[in-house]
Amino acid sequence: MKLWKENKNDKQWELDNREIAKQFLKSKYAELDYLNYYGIGRALTSFICASDGLNSVWDWDEKKGSIDGSPDVLEIIKICREAMK
């Protein structure tokens, strides 16, 4: 997934979707209370954006939104759901 650290154009970086899922699942954002309250999509996007997460933003189709408009986010959610079984 292509990311931009601190939402800055000059801080573009990439991280494998499986690695993002792995880090997310180890974070507080994947704890059951958080997931039950926010759902996996919102919890994941919070993790990606949060300063105690990846502190980054990503590109998505604005008409579809930050989750449905990003094939990467949808893939990461799928990876996380499989790992949580």
C-alpha atoms as a PDB file:
ATOM      1  CA  MET A   1       0.000   0.000   0.000  1.00  0.00           C
ATOM      2  CA  LYS A   2       1.280   3.440  -0.880  1.00  0.00           C
ATOM      3  CA  LEU A   3       1.212   5.771   2.136  1.00  0.00           C
ATOM      4  CA  TRP A   4       2.182   9.331   2.987  1.00  0.00           C
ATOM      5  CA  LYS A   5       3.669   9.838   6.441  1.00  0.00           C
ATOM      6  CA  GLU A   6       2.148  12.777   8.323  1.00  0.00           C
ATOM      7  CA  ASN A   7       0.079  13.581   5.188  1.00  0.00           C
ATOM      8  CA  LYS A   8       3.147  15.107   3.507  1.00  0.00           C
ATOM      9  CA  ASN A   9       3.842  14.766  -0.214  1.00  0.00           C
ATOM     10  CA  ASP A  10       7.577  14.370   0.333  1.00  0.00           C
ATOM     11  CA  LYS A  11       7.134  11.492   2.803  1.00  0.00           C
ATOM     12  CA  GLN A  12       5.707   8.799   0.527  1.00  0.00           C
ATOM     13  CA  TRP A  13       6.418   5.224   1.554  1.00  0.00           C
ATOM     14  CA  GLU A  14       5.051   1.752   0.972  1.00  0.00           C
ATOM     15  CA  LEU A  15       4.215  -1.145   3.233  1.00  0.00           C
ATOM     16  CA  ASP A  16       2.983  -4.589   2.250  1.00  0.00           C
ATOM     17  CA  ASN A  17      -0.722  -5.121   2.998  1.00  0.00           C
ATOM     18  CA  ARG A  18       0.070  -8.246   5.026  1.00  0.00           C
ATOM     19  CA  GLU A  19       2.524  -6.253   7.142  1.00  0.00           C
ATOM     20  CA  ILE A  20      -0.071  -3.545   7.753  1.00  0.00           C
ATOM     21  CA  ALA A  21      -2.546  -6.238   8.834  1.00  0.00           C
ATOM     22  CA  LYS A  22       0.070  -7.801  11.120  1.00  0.00           C
ATOM     23  CA  GLN A  23       0.875  -4.475  12.803  1.00  0.00           C
ATOM     24  CA  PHE A  24      -2.817  -3.590  13.091  1.00  0.00           C
ATOM     25  CA  LEU A  25      -3.640  -6.916  14.763  1.00  0.00           C
ATOM     26  CA  LYS A  26      -0.903  -6.276  17.372  1.00  0.00           C
ATOM     27  CA  SER A  27      -2.203  -2.769  18.102  1.00  0.00           C
ATOM     28  CA  LYS A  28      -4.786  -1.483  20.553  1.00  0.00           C
ATOM     29  CA  TYR A  29      -7.012  -0.760  17.549  1.00  0.00           C
ATOM     30  CA  ALA A  30      -7.615  -4.493  17.104  1.00  0.00           C
ATOM     31  CA  GLU A  31      -8.706  -5.052  20.712  1.00  0.00           C
ATOM     32  CA  LEU A  32     -12.185  -6.501  21.015  1.00  0.00           C
ATOM     33  CA  ASP A  33     -13.782  -3.480  22.725  1.00  0.00           C
ATOM     34  CA  TYR A  34     -12.459  -1.154  20.031  1.00  0.00           C
ATOM     35  CA  LEU A  35     -13.555  -3.478  17.212  1.00  0.00           C
ATOM     36  CA  ASN A  36     -17.015  -3.966  18.703  1.00  0.00           C
ATOM     37  CA  TYR A  37     -17.545  -0.229  19.019  1.00  0.00           C
ATOM     38  CA  TYR A  38     -16.050   0.985  15.721  1.00  0.00           C
ATOM     39  CA  GLY A  39     -15.978  -2.065  13.455  1.00  0.00           C
ATOM     40  CA  ILE A  40     -12.912  -3.386  11.678  1.00  0.00           C
ATOM     41  CA  GLY A  41     -12.947  -0.852   8.825  1.00  0.00           C
ATOM     42  CA  ARG A  42     -12.987   2.202  11.030  1.00  0.00           C
ATOM     43  CA  ALA A  43     -10.542   0.633  13.487  1.00  0.00           C
ATOM     44  CA  LEU A  44      -8.105  -0.104  10.661  1.00  0.00           C
ATOM     45  CA  THR A  45      -8.350   3.365   9.157  1.00  0.00           C
ATOM     46  CA  SER A  46      -7.861   4.884  12.617  1.00  0.00           C
ATOM     47  CA  PHE A  47      -4.722   2.767  13.058  1.00  0.00           C
ATOM     48  CA  ILE A  48      -3.327   3.868   9.704  1.00  0.00           C
ATOM     49  CA  CYS A  49      -3.924   7.565  10.477  1.00  0.00           C
ATOM     50  CA  ALA A  50      -3.141   7.690  14.201  1.00  0.00           C
ATOM     51  CA  SER A  51       0.181   8.992  15.504  1.00  0.00           C
ATOM     52  CA  ASP A  52       0.486   5.814  17.602  1.00  0.00           C
ATOM     53  CA  GLY A  53      -0.252   3.754  14.484  1.00  0.00           C
ATOM     54  CA  LEU A  54       1.231   4.313  11.029  1.00  0.00           C
ATOM     55  CA  ASN A  55       0.708   8.110  11.178  1.00  0.00           C
ATOM     56  CA  SER A  56      -0.102   8.142   7.467  1.00  0.00           C
ATOM     57  CA  VAL A  57      -2.747   8.735   4.835  1.00  0.00           C
ATOM     58  CA  TRP A  58      -3.476   6.813   1.643  1.00  0.00           C
ATOM     59  CA  ASP A  59      -5.102   7.442  -1.715  1.00  0.00           C
ATOM     60  CA  TRP A  60      -8.732   6.451  -2.307  1.00  0.00           C
ATOM     61  CA  ASP A  61     -11.696   7.127  -4.567  1.00  0.00           C
ATOM     62  CA  GLU A  62     -13.511   9.975  -2.815  1.00  0.00           C
ATOM     63  CA  LYS A  63     -16.878   8.932  -4.288  1.00  0.00           C
ATOM     64  CA  LYS A  64     -16.585   5.542  -2.564  1.00  0.00           C
ATOM     65  CA  GLY A  65     -14.925   6.680   0.661  1.00  0.00           C
ATOM     66  CA  SER A  66     -11.714   5.804   2.472  1.00  0.00           C
ATOM     67  CA  ILE A  67     -12.605   2.125   2.940  1.00  0.00           C
ATOM     68  CA  ASP A  68     -14.638   1.055  -0.099  1.00  0.00           C
ATOM     69  CA  GLY A  69     -12.632   3.390  -2.320  1.00  0.00           C
ATOM     70  CA  SER A  70      -9.347   1.649  -1.567  1.00  0.00           C
ATOM     71  CA  PRO A  71      -8.674  -1.876  -2.834  1.00  0.00           C
ATOM     72  CA  ASP A  72      -5.720  -2.024  -0.426  1.00  0.00           C
ATOM     73  CA  VAL A  73      -7.850  -1.298   2.645  1.00  0.00           C
ATOM     74  CA  LEU A  74     -10.402  -3.895   1.531  1.00  0.00           C
ATOM     75  CA  GLU A  75      -7.619  -6.462   1.121  1.00  0.00           C
ATOM     76  CA  ILE A  76      -6.165  -5.638   4.548  1.00  0.00           C
ATOM     77  CA  ILE A  77      -9.598  -6.065   6.140  1.00  0.00           C
ATOM     78  CA  LYS A  78      -9.920  -9.464   4.452  1.00  0.00           C
ATOM     79  CA  ILE A  79      -6.461 -10.508   5.704  1.00  0.00           C
ATOM     80  CA  CYS A  80      -7.361  -9.397   9.241  1.00  0.00           C
ATOM     81  CA  ARG A  81     -10.694 -11.236   9.233  1.00  0.00           C
ATOM     82  CA  GLU A  82      -8.979 -14.433   8.105  1.00  0.00           C
ATOM     83  CA  ALA A  83      -6.374 -14.066  10.855  1.00  0.00           C
ATOM     84  CA  MET A  84      -9.070 -13.467  13.510  1.00  0.00           C
ATOM     85  CA  LYS A  85     -10.897 -16.724  12.791  1.00  0.00           C
END
